[in-house]
C-alpha atoms as a PDB file:
ATOM      1  CA  MET A   1     131.600  74.291  64.409  1.00  0.00           C
ATOM      2  CA  MET A   2     129.422  77.306  65.293  1.00  0.00           C
ATOM      3  CA  LEU A   3     131.095  80.537  66.007  1.00  0.00           C
ATOM      4  CA  THR A   4     129.500  82.866  68.527  1.00  0.00           C
ATOM      5  CA  ARG A   5     130.308  86.458  68.773  1.00  0.00           C
ATOM      6  CA  LYS A   6     130.613  88.136  72.180  1.00  0.00           C
ATOM      7  CA  VAL A   7     128.796  91.394  72.168  1.00  0.00           C
ATOM      8  CA  LYS A   8     130.225  93.945  74.405  1.00  0.00           C
ATOM      9  CA  LYS A   9     127.643  95.849  76.337  1.00  0.00           C
ATOM     10  CA  LYS A  10     127.788  99.582  75.900  1.00  0.00           C
ATOM     11  CA  PRO A  11     128.077 101.493  79.250  1.00  0.00           C
ATOM     12  CA  SER A  12     124.709 103.232  80.087  1.00  0.00           C
ATOM     13  CA  LEU A  13     124.873 106.993  79.480  1.00  0.00           C
ATOM     14  CA  VAL A  14     121.837 107.305  81.639  1.00  0.00           C
ATOM     15  CA  PRO A  15     122.425 107.819  85.412  1.00  0.00           C
ATOM     16  CA  LYS A  16     120.470 105.687  87.947  1.00  0.00           C
ATOM     17  CA  LEU A  17     117.845 107.523  89.941  1.00  0.00           C
ATOM     18  CA  SER A  18     119.883 107.211  93.252  1.00  0.00           C
ATOM     19  CA  GLN A  19     122.647 109.340  91.450  1.00  0.00           C
ATOM     20  CA  VAL A  20     120.099 111.757  90.169  1.00  0.00           C
ATOM     21  CA  LEU A  21     118.711 112.361  93.695  1.00  0.00           C
ATOM     22  CA  LYS A  22     122.019 113.886  94.719  1.00  0.00           C
ATOM     23  CA  ASN A  23     121.795 116.656  92.150  1.00  0.00           C
ATOM     24  CA  PRO A  24     118.764 118.891  92.191  1.00  0.00           C
ATOM     25  CA  LYS A  25     119.366 120.307  88.797  1.00  0.00           C
ATOM     26  CA  LEU A  26     119.566 116.939  87.160  1.00  0.00           C
ATOM     27  CA  ALA A  27     116.589 115.788  89.194  1.00  0.00           C
ATOM     28  CA  PHE A  28     114.676 118.844  87.905  1.00  0.00           C
ATOM     29  CA  SER A  29     115.543 117.840  84.371  1.00  0.00           C
ATOM     30  CA  TRP A  30     114.380 114.237  84.824  1.00  0.00           C
ATOM     31  CA  TYR A  31     111.106 115.499  86.405  1.00  0.00           C
ATOM     32  CA  LEU A  32     110.450 117.879  83.323  1.00  0.00           C
ATOM     33  CA  LEU A  33     111.381 115.273  80.786  1.00  0.00           C
ATOM     34  CA  SER A  34     109.420 112.491  82.309  1.00  0.00           C
ATOM     35  CA  CYS A  35     106.282 114.644  82.758  1.00  0.00           C
ATOM     36  CA  PHE A  36     106.425 115.466  79.097  1.00  0.00           C
ATOM     37  CA  LEU A  37     106.755 111.805  78.117  1.00  0.00           C
ATOM     38  CA  TYR A  38     104.040 110.681  80.565  1.00  0.00           C
ATOM     39  CA  TYR A  39     101.438 113.455  79.907  1.00  0.00           C
ATOM     40  CA  LYS A  40     102.068 114.210  76.212  1.00  0.00           C
ATOM     41  CA  GLN A  41     103.354 111.034  74.882  1.00  0.00           C
ATOM     42  CA  SER A  42     101.855 108.358  77.139  1.00  0.00           C
ATOM     43  CA  ILE A  43     105.341 107.005  77.772  1.00  0.00           C
ATOM     44  CA  CYS A  44     105.908 105.963  81.350  1.00  0.00           C
ATOM     45  CA  ILE A  45     109.680 106.106  81.982  1.00  0.00           C
ATOM     46  CA  LEU A  46     109.600 106.180  85.786  1.00  0.00           C
ATOM     47  CA  THR A  47     107.522 104.151  88.249  1.00  0.00           C
ATOM     48  CA  ASP A  48     104.987 105.985  90.388  1.00  0.00           C
ATOM     49  CA  ASP A  49     107.385 105.519  93.393  1.00  0.00           C
ATOM     50  CA  GLU A  50     110.347 106.868  91.578  1.00  0.00           C
ATOM     51  CA  PHE A  51     108.438 109.903  90.343  1.00  0.00           C
ATOM     52  CA  ASP A  52     107.072 110.632  93.878  1.00  0.00           C
ATOM     53  CA  HIS A  53     110.613 110.474  95.192  1.00  0.00           C
ATOM     54  CA  LEU A  54     111.781 112.766  92.474  1.00  0.00           C
ATOM     55  CA  SER A  55     109.025 115.252  93.197  1.00  0.00           C
ATOM     56  CA  LYS A  56     109.734 115.280  96.993  1.00  0.00           C
ATOM     57  CA  TYR A  57     113.471 115.643  96.438  1.00  0.00           C
ATOM     58  CA  ILE A  58     112.957 118.656  94.103  1.00  0.00           C
ATOM     59  CA  LEU A  59     110.548 120.167  96.399  1.00  0.00           C
ATOM     60  CA  SER A  60     113.009 119.757  99.374  1.00  0.00           C
ATOM     61  CA  GLU A  61     115.703 121.425  97.153  1.00  0.00           C
ATOM     62  CA  TRP A  62     113.681 124.027  95.479  1.00  0.00           C
ATOM     63  CA  ASN A  63     115.595 127.071  96.871  1.00  0.00           C
ATOM     64  CA  ASN A  64     119.006 125.538  96.324  1.00  0.00           C
ATOM     65  CA  PHE A  65     119.139 125.407  92.595  1.00  0.00           C
ATOM     66  CA  ASP A  66     118.640 127.356  89.466  1.00  0.00           C
ATOM     67  CA  HIS A  67     117.390 126.005  86.136  1.00  0.00           C
ATOM     68  CA  MET A  68     116.353 127.737  82.997  1.00  0.00           C
ATOM     69  CA  HIS A  69     112.998 126.147  82.950  1.00  0.00           C
ATOM     70  CA  LYS A  70     112.232 126.436  86.690  1.00  0.00           C
ATOM     71  CA  HIS A  71     109.561 128.915  86.020  1.00  0.00           C
ATOM     72  CA  LEU A  72     107.455 126.175  84.188  1.00  0.00           C
ATOM     73  CA  ILE A  73     106.777 124.315  87.386  1.00  0.00           C
ATOM     74  CA  CYS A  74     104.911 125.519  90.411  1.00  0.00           C
ATOM     75  CA  ILE A  75     105.385 124.074  93.939  1.00  0.00           C
ATOM     76  CA  ASP A  76     101.817 123.039  93.998  1.00  0.00           C
ATOM     77  CA  ASP A  77     102.476 120.655  91.088  1.00  0.00           C
ATOM     78  CA  LEU A  78     105.464 119.131  93.017  1.00  0.00           C
ATOM     79  CA  GLN A  79     103.348 118.764  96.139  1.00  0.00           C
ATOM     80  CA  ALA A  80     100.562 117.070  94.211  1.00  0.00           C
ATOM     81  CA  GLY A  81     103.098 114.930  92.248  1.00  0.00           C
ATOM     82  CA  THR A  82     101.872 115.993  88.901  1.00  0.00           C
ATOM     83  CA  GLY A  83     103.127 117.728  85.720  1.00  0.00           C
ATOM     84  CA  TYR A  84      99.869 117.814  83.894  1.00  0.00           C
ATOM     85  CA  ALA A  85      99.526 121.501  83.372  1.00  0.00           C
ATOM     86  CA  ILE A  86     103.065 122.223  82.330  1.00  0.00           C
ATOM     87  CA  LYS A  87     103.619 124.086  78.967  1.00  0.00           C
ATOM     88  CA  TYR A  88     106.569 122.573  77.435  1.00  0.00           C
ATOM     89  CA  PRO A  89     108.999 124.532  75.196  1.00  0.00           C
ATOM     90  CA  LEU A  90     110.180 122.770  72.043  1.00  0.00           C
ATOM     91  CA  ILE A  91     113.686 122.141  73.446  1.00  0.00           C
ATOM     92  CA  VAL A  92     112.062 120.132  76.361  1.00  0.00           C
ATOM     93  CA  GLU A  93     109.962 118.031  73.932  1.00  0.00           C
ATOM     94  CA  HIS A  94     113.072 117.127  71.904  1.00  0.00           C
ATOM     95  CA  SER A  95     115.248 116.538  74.836  1.00  0.00           C
ATOM     96  CA  ALA A  96     112.505 114.284  76.377  1.00  0.00           C
ATOM     97  CA  MET A  97     112.293 112.184  73.129  1.00  0.00           C
ATOM     98  CA  LYS A  98     116.124 111.988  72.879  1.00  0.00           C
ATOM     99  CA  TRP A  99     116.309 110.897  76.591  1.00  0.00           C
ATOM    100  CA  TYR A 100     113.634 108.247  76.020  1.00  0.00           C
ATOM    101  CA  PHE A 101     115.460 106.754  72.952  1.00  0.00           C
ATOM    102  CA  ALA A 102     118.698 106.722  74.970  1.00  0.00           C
ATOM    103  CA  MET A 103     117.115 104.990  77.818  1.00  0.00           C
ATOM    104  CA  SER A 104     115.313 102.458  75.613  1.00  0.00           C
ATOM    105  CA  GLY A 105     118.497 101.800  73.678  1.00  0.00           C
ATOM    106  CA  ASN A 106     116.787 102.881  70.454  1.00  0.00           C
ATOM    107  CA  SER A 107     118.603 105.355  68.262  1.00  0.00           C
ATOM    108  CA  THR A 108     115.617 106.132  66.103  1.00  0.00           C
ATOM    109  CA  THR A 109     114.083 109.643  66.594  1.00  0.00           C
ATOM    110  CA  LYS A 110     110.689 110.790  65.700  1.00  0.00           C
END
């Protein structure tokens, strides 16, 4: 007789994009982290469509929220849907990698 073990799936700690698009501060964080992963680590965590939605949402809410890293982003970048020219502080780099590993289910860090 073979025993099988039921594995209980952990609840996701990462919200869905639809939830993020209700909170401009969280959306801004996702934008910043996903830009770092895409442009500096060649890791695509959002589809092009999701990234476009995120950029447009942040642009529409630009005057309605504060964020300690808001000065890193210019409105032209949001309108163009890019984050190529962002200069990332170390805390953003570390947070992005931690976020990536949380989303991928991998607890390993670089």
